[in-house]
Amino acid sequence: MFSKLFYKKVRSSLPNIPPNPTQWPKAWSMIFFKEYPRFDAVSLPREMLPLKNLKEVLFERRSTRECDASQSISLEELSTLLYYSAGIKCEPGEYTESNQEERNSTRRFYPSGGARYPLEMYVDVRRVSGVEPGVYHYNLLNHSLEKLLSKDAEENTIAASVLASWTKDSAVVFIITGVQGRNAIKYGDFGYDMLATESGHMSQNLHLLGASLGMKYCPLFGFNNEEIHKTLDAREDELILYVTAMGK
């Protein structure tokens, strides 16, 4: 099977990394962030909603395809979901005016091999109070949503690209991508395996947060990868890894 050969190839390609960090190239410690400074942006609330205790949330975590199409989620709920799943461990927006050295010290709410942080988060907003429907990119540095496409734009084909018809009733669709180059610079082909694993870490955070906030959600893999990539105008080395539909 090709998948077995591919997995074996990736797993056997771990490079020989010097154990002493002082011998590493400077690029290995640089953390990169995707931004769209010329696009309109929606500032997200910086006060997060209270969350339930972990044990309670673990027992309540359950995937479901049934969302109420008449229900919206609040901007505060979306802010909390994004911050604790994909955000930086700091006061939201703390790194808005940061330099590269300061950015290299940032950490997230999920583990990342070598602190390369290759993941990006996009949101197809359908029903969020105070946010126009459309496709947005989550800017971690200033905790905001950068608008890529409006709902009516011909290029916005996210809904059509998600092949599961039941997602039409969701309030938002989260799309996690991975920028291969951020990992490959240190780990080569082995970085692909890390991308896939890391997207699972972030997604589990997102699902547990959804459970804590009383959301209904379900991850899915039935989507047109090429169409979503085109809609997001993603980088050539940016892979579509994980999609979760969520609502109430």
C-alpha atoms as a PDB file:
ATOM      1  CA  MET A   1       0.000   0.000   0.000  1.00  0.00           C
ATOM      2  CA  PHE A   2       1.208   3.496  -0.854  1.00  0.00           C
ATOM      3  CA  SER A   3       0.125   4.845   2.539  1.00  0.00           C
ATOM      4  CA  LYS A   4       2.287   2.283   4.329  1.00  0.00           C
ATOM      5  CA  LEU A   5       5.314   3.089   2.176  1.00  0.00           C
ATOM      6  CA  PHE A   6       4.734   6.821   2.630  1.00  0.00           C
ATOM      7  CA  TYR A   7       4.475   6.466   6.405  1.00  0.00           C
ATOM      8  CA  LYS A   8       7.648   4.365   6.529  1.00  0.00           C
ATOM      9  CA  LYS A   9       9.509   6.914   4.402  1.00  0.00           C
ATOM     10  CA  VAL A  10       8.455   9.850   6.565  1.00  0.00           C
ATOM     11  CA  ARG A  11       9.163   8.074   9.851  1.00  0.00           C
ATOM     12  CA  SER A  12      12.630   7.028   8.682  1.00  0.00           C
ATOM     13  CA  SER A  13      13.650  10.531   7.585  1.00  0.00           C
ATOM     14  CA  LEU A  14      14.350  12.085  10.991  1.00  0.00           C
ATOM     15  CA  PRO A  15      17.490  14.202  10.521  1.00  0.00           C
ATOM     16  CA  ASN A  16      20.531  14.099  12.748  1.00  0.00           C
ATOM     17  CA  ILE A  17      20.008  17.143  14.965  1.00  0.00           C
ATOM     18  CA  PRO A  18      22.923  18.259  17.172  1.00  0.00           C
ATOM     19  CA  PRO A  19      21.998  17.799  20.868  1.00  0.00           C
ATOM     20  CA  ASN A  20      23.551  21.138  21.782  1.00  0.00           C
ATOM     21  CA  PRO A  21      21.192  24.014  20.832  1.00  0.00           C
ATOM     22  CA  THR A  22      24.158  26.390  20.532  1.00  0.00           C
ATOM     23  CA  GLN A  23      25.081  24.491  17.367  1.00  0.00           C
ATOM     24  CA  TRP A  24      21.683  25.035  15.745  1.00  0.00           C
ATOM     25  CA  PRO A  25      21.137  27.546  12.925  1.00  0.00           C
ATOM     26  CA  LYS A  26      19.356  30.729  13.979  1.00  0.00           C
ATOM     27  CA  ALA A  27      16.407  29.872  11.712  1.00  0.00           C
ATOM     28  CA  TRP A  28      15.558  26.868  13.901  1.00  0.00           C
ATOM     29  CA  SER A  29      14.566  29.163  16.770  1.00  0.00           C
ATOM     30  CA  MET A  30      12.553  31.635  14.702  1.00  0.00           C
ATOM     31  CA  ILE A  31       8.775  31.415  15.092  1.00  0.00           C
ATOM     32  CA  PHE A  32       6.791  32.639  12.096  1.00  0.00           C
ATOM     33  CA  PHE A  33       3.314  34.149  12.018  1.00  0.00           C
ATOM     34  CA  LYS A  34       0.967  34.657   9.113  1.00  0.00           C
ATOM     35  CA  GLU A  35      -0.648  38.097   8.911  1.00  0.00           C
ATOM     36  CA  TYR A  36      -2.811  40.078   6.489  1.00  0.00           C
ATOM     37  CA  PRO A  37      -2.099  43.696   7.564  1.00  0.00           C
ATOM     38  CA  ARG A  38      -3.903  45.276   4.602  1.00  0.00           C
ATOM     39  CA  PHE A  39      -7.152  43.400   5.165  1.00  0.00           C
ATOM     40  CA  ASP A  40     -10.095  44.526   7.278  1.00  0.00           C
ATOM     41  CA  ALA A  41      -9.994  42.965  10.721  1.00  0.00           C
ATOM     42  CA  VAL A  42     -12.374  42.289  13.592  1.00  0.00           C
ATOM     43  CA  SER A  43     -10.869  42.750  17.059  1.00  0.00           C
ATOM     44  CA  LEU A  44     -11.837  39.903  19.366  1.00  0.00           C
ATOM     45  CA  PRO A  45     -12.807  40.402  23.021  1.00  0.00           C
ATOM     46  CA  ARG A  46      -9.827  40.023  25.355  1.00  0.00           C
ATOM     47  CA  GLU A  47     -11.837  38.838  28.341  1.00  0.00           C
ATOM     48  CA  MET A  48     -12.365  35.097  28.013  1.00  0.00           C
ATOM     49  CA  LEU A  49     -15.475  33.244  29.149  1.00  0.00           C
ATOM     50  CA  PRO A  50     -15.209  30.974  32.215  1.00  0.00           C
ATOM     51  CA  LEU A  51     -14.648  27.277  31.507  1.00  0.00           C
ATOM     52  CA  LYS A  52     -15.771  24.109  33.274  1.00  0.00           C
ATOM     53  CA  ASN A  53     -13.325  21.819  35.051  1.00  0.00           C
ATOM     54  CA  LEU A  54     -11.427  19.318  32.910  1.00  0.00           C
ATOM     55  CA  LYS A  55     -13.062  16.152  34.270  1.00  0.00           C
ATOM     56  CA  GLU A  56     -16.536  17.470  33.560  1.00  0.00           C
ATOM     57  CA  VAL A  57     -15.569  18.546  30.056  1.00  0.00           C
ATOM     58  CA  LEU A  58     -13.956  15.201  29.207  1.00  0.00           C
ATOM     59  CA  PHE A  59     -17.177  13.379  30.043  1.00  0.00           C
ATOM     60  CA  GLU A  60     -19.266  15.881  28.067  1.00  0.00           C
ATOM     61  CA  ARG A  61     -17.104  15.759  24.935  1.00  0.00           C
ATOM     62  CA  ARG A  62     -19.206  14.220  22.187  1.00  0.00           C
ATOM     63  CA  SER A  63     -19.266  14.672  18.429  1.00  0.00           C
ATOM     64  CA  THR A  64     -22.653  15.448  16.935  1.00  0.00           C
ATOM     65  CA  ARG A  65     -23.864  16.507  13.511  1.00  0.00           C
ATOM     66  CA  GLU A  66     -26.997  18.241  14.758  1.00  0.00           C
ATOM     67  CA  CYS A  67     -26.837  22.023  15.041  1.00  0.00           C
ATOM     68  CA  ASP A  68     -29.724  24.483  15.236  1.00  0.00           C
ATOM     69  CA  ALA A  69     -29.621  26.646  12.107  1.00  0.00           C
ATOM     70  CA  SER A  70     -31.519  29.410  13.918  1.00  0.00           C
ATOM     71  CA  GLN A  71     -28.867  29.775  16.631  1.00  0.00           C
ATOM     72  CA  SER A  72     -25.797  32.021  16.483  1.00  0.00           C
ATOM     73  CA  ILE A  73     -22.724  31.983  18.680  1.00  0.00           C
ATOM     74  CA  SER A  74     -21.466  35.112  20.395  1.00  0.00           C
ATOM     75  CA  LEU A  75     -18.266  36.962  19.597  1.00  0.00           C
ATOM     76  CA  GLU A  76     -17.121  36.211  23.162  1.00  0.00           C
ATOM     77  CA  GLU A  77     -17.611  32.489  22.571  1.00  0.00           C
ATOM     78  CA  LEU A  78     -15.668  32.578  19.307  1.00  0.00           C
ATOM     79  CA  SER A  79     -12.887  34.577  20.949  1.00  0.00           C
ATOM     80  CA  THR A  80     -12.588  32.026  23.755  1.00  0.00           C
ATOM     81  CA  LEU A  81     -12.559  29.112  21.320  1.00  0.00           C
ATOM     82  CA  LEU A  82      -9.801  30.639  19.194  1.00  0.00           C
ATOM     83  CA  TYR A  83      -7.646  31.907  22.036  1.00  0.00           C
ATOM     84  CA  TYR A  84      -7.431  28.670  24.018  1.00  0.00           C
ATOM     85  CA  SER A  85      -7.157  26.413  20.963  1.00  0.00           C
ATOM     86  CA  ALA A  86      -4.793  28.317  18.659  1.00  0.00           C
ATOM     87  CA  GLY A  87      -3.691  31.416  20.568  1.00  0.00           C
ATOM     88  CA  ILE A  88      -0.514  32.474  22.339  1.00  0.00           C
ATOM     89  CA  LYS A  89      -0.057  31.877  26.074  1.00  0.00           C
ATOM     90  CA  CYS A  90      -0.106  35.532  27.122  1.00  0.00           C
ATOM     91  CA  GLU A  91      -2.533  38.390  27.521  1.00  0.00           C
ATOM     92  CA  PRO A  92      -4.448  38.484  24.203  1.00  0.00           C
ATOM     93  CA  GLY A  93      -2.872  41.033  21.880  1.00  0.00           C
ATOM     94  CA  GLU A  94       0.290  41.353  23.979  1.00  0.00           C
ATOM     95  CA  TYR A  95       2.541  40.723  20.970  1.00  0.00           C
ATOM     96  CA  THR A  96       0.847  43.130  18.546  1.00  0.00           C
ATOM     97  CA  GLU A  97       3.907  45.406  18.400  1.00  0.00           C
ATOM     98  CA  SER A  98       6.502  42.737  19.163  1.00  0.00           C
ATOM     99  CA  ASN A  99       9.841  42.223  17.441  1.00  0.00           C
ATOM    100  CA  GLN A 100      11.122  38.898  16.101  1.00  0.00           C
ATOM    101  CA  GLU A 101      13.162  38.129  19.217  1.00  0.00           C
ATOM    102  CA  GLU A 102      10.101  38.553  21.419  1.00  0.00           C
ATOM    103  CA  ARG A 103       8.007  36.430  19.071  1.00  0.00           C
ATOM    104  CA  ASN A 104      10.561  33.620  19.262  1.00  0.00           C
ATOM    105  CA  SER A 105       9.767  33.241  22.971  1.00  0.00           C
ATOM    106  CA  THR A 106       6.022  32.711  22.470  1.00  0.00           C
ATOM    107  CA  ARG A 107       4.338  29.441  23.348  1.00  0.00           C
ATOM    108  CA  ARG A 108       0.871  27.977  22.677  1.00  0.00           C
ATOM    109  CA  PHE A 109      -1.748  25.887  24.478  1.00  0.00           C
ATOM    110  CA  TYR A 110      -0.709  22.741  22.573  1.00  0.00           C
ATOM    111  CA  PRO A 111       2.664  21.007  22.082  1.00  0.00           C
ATOM    112  CA  SER A 112       4.711  21.637  18.952  1.00  0.00           C
ATOM    113  CA  GLY A 113       7.830  19.675  17.978  1.00  0.00           C
ATOM    114  CA  GLY A 114      10.849  21.935  18.269  1.00  0.00           C
ATOM    115  CA  ALA A 115       8.515  24.886  18.942  1.00  0.00           C
ATOM    116  CA  ARG A 116       8.148  25.328  15.184  1.00  0.00           C
ATOM    117  CA  TYR A 117       4.383  26.105  15.405  1.00  0.00           C
ATOM    118  CA  PRO A 118       3.486  25.455  11.747  1.00  0.00           C
ATOM    119  CA  LEU A 119      -0.304  25.574  12.203  1.00  0.00           C
ATOM    120  CA  GLU A 120      -2.686  28.317  11.078  1.00  0.00           C
ATOM    121  CA  MET A 121      -6.382  28.704  11.880  1.00  0.00           C
ATOM    122  CA  TYR A 122      -9.094  29.949   9.509  1.00  0.00           C
ATOM    123  CA  VAL A 123     -12.787  30.403  10.263  1.00  0.00           C
ATOM    124  CA  ASP A 124     -15.742  30.263   7.892  1.00  0.00           C
ATOM    125  CA  VAL A 125     -18.141  32.498   9.808  1.00  0.00           C
ATOM    126  CA  ARG A 126     -21.834  31.909   9.128  1.00  0.00           C
ATOM    127  CA  ARG A 127     -23.684  33.040  12.246  1.00  0.00           C
ATOM    128  CA  VAL A 128     -21.565  34.909  14.799  1.00  0.00           C
ATOM    129  CA  SER A 129     -23.034  37.932  16.578  1.00  0.00           C
ATOM    130  CA  GLY A 130     -21.265  41.106  15.488  1.00  0.00           C
ATOM    131  CA  VAL A 131     -19.272  39.492  12.640  1.00  0.00           C
ATOM    132  CA  GLU A 132     -20.232  39.610   8.977  1.00  0.00           C
ATOM    133  CA  PRO A 133     -20.394  36.169   7.345  1.00  0.00           C
ATOM    134  CA  GLY A 134     -17.275  35.306   5.411  1.00  0.00           C
ATOM    135  CA  VAL A 135     -13.908  33.585   5.576  1.00  0.00           C
ATOM    136  CA  TYR A 136     -11.395  34.870   8.125  1.00  0.00           C
ATOM    137  CA  HIS A 137      -7.840  34.172   9.254  1.00  0.00           C
ATOM    138  CA  TYR A 138      -7.073  34.170  12.971  1.00  0.00           C
ATOM    139  CA  ASN A 139      -4.204  36.558  13.753  1.00  0.00           C
ATOM    140  CA  LEU A 140      -2.574  35.256  16.926  1.00  0.00           C
ATOM    141  CA  LEU A 141      -0.403  38.297  17.546  1.00  0.00           C
ATOM    142  CA  ASN A 142      -3.203  40.826  17.937  1.00  0.00           C
ATOM    143  CA  HIS A 143      -6.037  38.354  18.634  1.00  0.00           C
ATOM    144  CA  SER A 144      -8.197  39.374  15.697  1.00  0.00           C
ATOM    145  CA  LEU A 145      -9.987  37.976  12.652  1.00  0.00           C
ATOM    146  CA  GLU A 146      -8.644  39.136   9.295  1.00  0.00           C
ATOM    147  CA  LYS A 147     -11.311  39.065   6.612  1.00  0.00           C
ATOM    148  CA  LEU A 148     -10.244  37.186   3.500  1.00  0.00           C
ATOM    149  CA  LEU A 149     -13.576  36.838   1.690  1.00  0.00           C
ATOM    150  CA  SER A 150     -17.140  37.995   2.141  1.00  0.00           C
ATOM    151  CA  LYS A 151     -20.059  35.590   2.116  1.00  0.00           C
ATOM    152  CA  ASP A 152     -21.149  36.721  -1.341  1.00  0.00           C
ATOM    153  CA  ALA A 153     -17.723  36.595  -2.974  1.00  0.00           C
ATOM    154  CA  GLU A 154     -17.634  34.182  -5.892  1.00  0.00           C
ATOM    155  CA  GLU A 155     -14.353  32.816  -4.558  1.00  0.00           C
ATOM    156  CA  ASN A 156     -15.925  31.762  -1.250  1.00  0.00           C
ATOM    157  CA  THR A 157     -16.553  28.091  -1.913  1.00  0.00           C
ATOM    158  CA  ILE A 158     -15.924  26.722   1.574  1.00  0.00           C
ATOM    159  CA  ALA A 159     -19.531  25.567   2.004  1.00  0.00           C
ATOM    160  CA  ALA A 160     -19.477  23.752  -1.326  1.00  0.00           C
ATOM    161  CA  SER A 161     -16.034  22.308  -0.616  1.00  0.00           C
ATOM    162  CA  VAL A 162     -17.184  20.675   2.605  1.00  0.00           C
ATOM    163  CA  LEU A 163     -18.905  17.612   1.229  1.00  0.00           C
ATOM    164  CA  ALA A 164     -20.941  16.720   4.337  1.00  0.00           C
ATOM    165  CA  SER A 165     -24.398  18.261   3.855  1.00  0.00           C
ATOM    166  CA  TRP A 166     -25.111  18.357   7.593  1.00  0.00           C
ATOM    167  CA  THR A 167     -22.543  21.160   8.073  1.00  0.00           C
ATOM    168  CA  LYS A 168     -24.960  23.648   6.484  1.00  0.00           C
ATOM    169  CA  ASP A 169     -26.561  24.249   9.895  1.00  0.00           C
ATOM    170  CA  SER A 170     -23.294  24.994  11.730  1.00  0.00           C
ATOM    171  CA  ALA A 171     -22.521  28.526  12.884  1.00  0.00           C
ATOM    172  CA  VAL A 172     -18.811  28.328  12.108  1.00  0.00           C
ATOM    173  CA  VAL A 173     -16.403  25.983  10.363  1.00  0.00           C
ATOM    174  CA  PHE A 174     -12.829  25.899  11.660  1.00  0.00           C
ATOM    175  CA  ILE A 175     -10.054  25.028   9.198  1.00  0.00           C
ATOM    176  CA  ILE A 176      -6.593  24.128  10.459  1.00  0.00           C
ATOM    177  CA  THR A 177      -3.712  24.288   8.008  1.00  0.00           C
ATOM    178  CA  GLY A 178      -0.023  23.496   8.345  1.00  0.00           C
ATOM    179  CA  VAL A 179       2.845  25.386   6.717  1.00  0.00           C
ATOM    180  CA  GLN A 180       5.337  22.677   5.813  1.00  0.00           C
ATOM    181  CA  GLY A 181       8.281  24.998   5.403  1.00  0.00           C
ATOM    182  CA  ARG A 182       8.309  25.941   9.084  1.00  0.00           C
ATOM    183  CA  ASN A 183       8.911  22.319  10.040  1.00  0.00           C
ATOM    184  CA  ALA A 184      10.950  21.248   7.021  1.00  0.00           C
ATOM    185  CA  ILE A 185      13.658  23.811   7.737  1.00  0.00           C
ATOM    186  CA  LYS A 186      14.594  21.731  10.795  1.00  0.00           C
ATOM    187  CA  TYR A 187      13.066  18.277  10.315  1.00  0.00           C
ATOM    188  CA  GLY A 188      12.876  17.785   6.551  1.00  0.00           C
ATOM    189  CA  ASP A 189      10.248  15.247   5.408  1.00  0.00           C
ATOM    190  CA  PHE A 190       9.799  14.066   8.989  1.00  0.00           C
ATOM    191  CA  GLY A 191       8.086  17.387   9.639  1.00  0.00           C
ATOM    192  CA  TYR A 192       5.020  16.174   7.738  1.00  0.00           C
ATOM    193  CA  ASP A 193       4.305  13.580  10.417  1.00  0.00           C
ATOM    194  CA  MET A 194       4.622  16.289  13.039  1.00  0.00           C
ATOM    195  CA  LEU A 195       2.136  18.502  11.157  1.00  0.00           C
ATOM    196  CA  ALA A 196      -0.567  15.846  11.199  1.00  0.00           C
ATOM    197  CA  THR A 197      -0.007  15.008  14.855  1.00  0.00           C
ATOM    198  CA  GLU A 198       0.013  18.636  15.895  1.00  0.00           C
ATOM    199  CA  SER A 199      -3.276  19.370  14.157  1.00  0.00           C
ATOM    200  CA  GLY A 200      -4.806  16.670  16.360  1.00  0.00           C
ATOM    201  CA  HIS A 201      -3.488  18.416  19.473  1.00  0.00           C
ATOM    202  CA  MET A 202      -5.058  21.724  18.461  1.00  0.00           C
ATOM    203  CA  SER A 203      -8.320  20.098  17.377  1.00  0.00           C
ATOM    204  CA  GLN A 204      -8.754  18.282  20.678  1.00  0.00           C
ATOM    205  CA  ASN A 205      -8.348  21.606  22.479  1.00  0.00           C
ATOM    206  CA  LEU A 206     -11.007  23.087  20.212  1.00  0.00           C
ATOM    207  CA  HIS A 207     -13.435  20.219  20.834  1.00  0.00           C
ATOM    208  CA  LEU A 208     -12.969  20.294  24.606  1.00  0.00           C
ATOM    209  CA  LEU A 209     -13.538  24.035  24.596  1.00  0.00           C
ATOM    210  CA  GLY A 210     -16.678  23.486  22.549  1.00  0.00           C
ATOM    211  CA  ALA A 211     -17.914  21.000  25.148  1.00  0.00           C
ATOM    212  CA  SER A 212     -17.154  23.457  27.955  1.00  0.00           C
ATOM    213  CA  LEU A 213     -19.118  26.224  26.234  1.00  0.00           C
ATOM    214  CA  GLY A 214     -22.105  24.023  25.415  1.00  0.00           C
ATOM    215  CA  MET A 215     -21.427  23.853  21.677  1.00  0.00           C
ATOM    216  CA  LYS A 216     -22.320  21.107  19.239  1.00  0.00           C
ATOM    217  CA  TYR A 217     -19.503  20.124  16.919  1.00  0.00           C
ATOM    218  CA  CYS A 218     -18.077  17.414  14.732  1.00  0.00           C
ATOM    219  CA  PRO A 219     -14.728  17.016  12.966  1.00  0.00           C
ATOM    220  CA  LEU A 220     -14.801  15.850   9.362  1.00  0.00           C
ATOM    221  CA  PHE A 221     -12.466  14.780   6.603  1.00  0.00           C
ATOM    222  CA  GLY A 222     -14.949  14.827   3.732  1.00  0.00           C
ATOM    223  CA  PHE A 223     -13.850  18.013   1.988  1.00  0.00           C
ATOM    224  CA  ASN A 224     -12.370  19.112  -1.315  1.00  0.00           C
ATOM    225  CA  ASN A 225      -8.785  19.863  -0.372  1.00  0.00           C
ATOM    226  CA  GLU A 226      -7.896  21.721  -3.569  1.00  0.00           C
ATOM    227  CA  GLU A 227     -10.970  23.963  -3.487  1.00  0.00           C
ATOM    228  CA  ILE A 228     -10.444  24.977   0.142  1.00  0.00           C
ATOM    229  CA  HIS A 229      -6.768  25.647  -0.560  1.00  0.00           C
ATOM    230  CA  LYS A 230      -7.772  27.869  -3.471  1.00  0.00           C
ATOM    231  CA  THR A 231     -10.440  29.680  -1.448  1.00  0.00           C
ATOM    232  CA  LEU A 232      -7.994  30.476   1.353  1.00  0.00           C
ATOM    233  CA  ASP A 233      -5.339  31.485  -1.183  1.00  0.00           C
ATOM    234  CA  ALA A 234      -3.032  29.387   0.980  1.00  0.00           C
ATOM    235  CA  ARG A 235       0.695  29.152   0.485  1.00  0.00           C
ATOM    236  CA  GLU A 236       1.990  26.483  -1.874  1.00  0.00           C
ATOM    237  CA  ASP A 237       3.478  24.580   1.079  1.00  0.00           C
ATOM    238  CA  GLU A 238       0.381  25.079   3.280  1.00  0.00           C
ATOM    239  CA  LEU A 239      -1.680  21.911   3.738  1.00  0.00           C
ATOM    240  CA  ILE A 240      -5.355  21.633   4.697  1.00  0.00           C
ATOM    241  CA  LEU A 241      -5.215  19.314   7.714  1.00  0.00           C
ATOM    242  CA  TYR A 242      -8.389  19.410   9.777  1.00  0.00           C
ATOM    243  CA  VAL A 243     -11.937  20.767   9.549  1.00  0.00           C
ATOM    244  CA  THR A 244     -14.465  21.073  12.394  1.00  0.00           C
ATOM    245  CA  ALA A 245     -18.042  22.313  12.084  1.00  0.00           C
ATOM    246  CA  MET A 246     -19.536  23.875  15.212  1.00  0.00           C
ATOM    247  CA  GLY A 247     -22.748  25.526  16.321  1.00  0.00           C
ATOM    248  CA  LYS A 248     -25.499  25.264  18.929  1.00  0.00           C
END
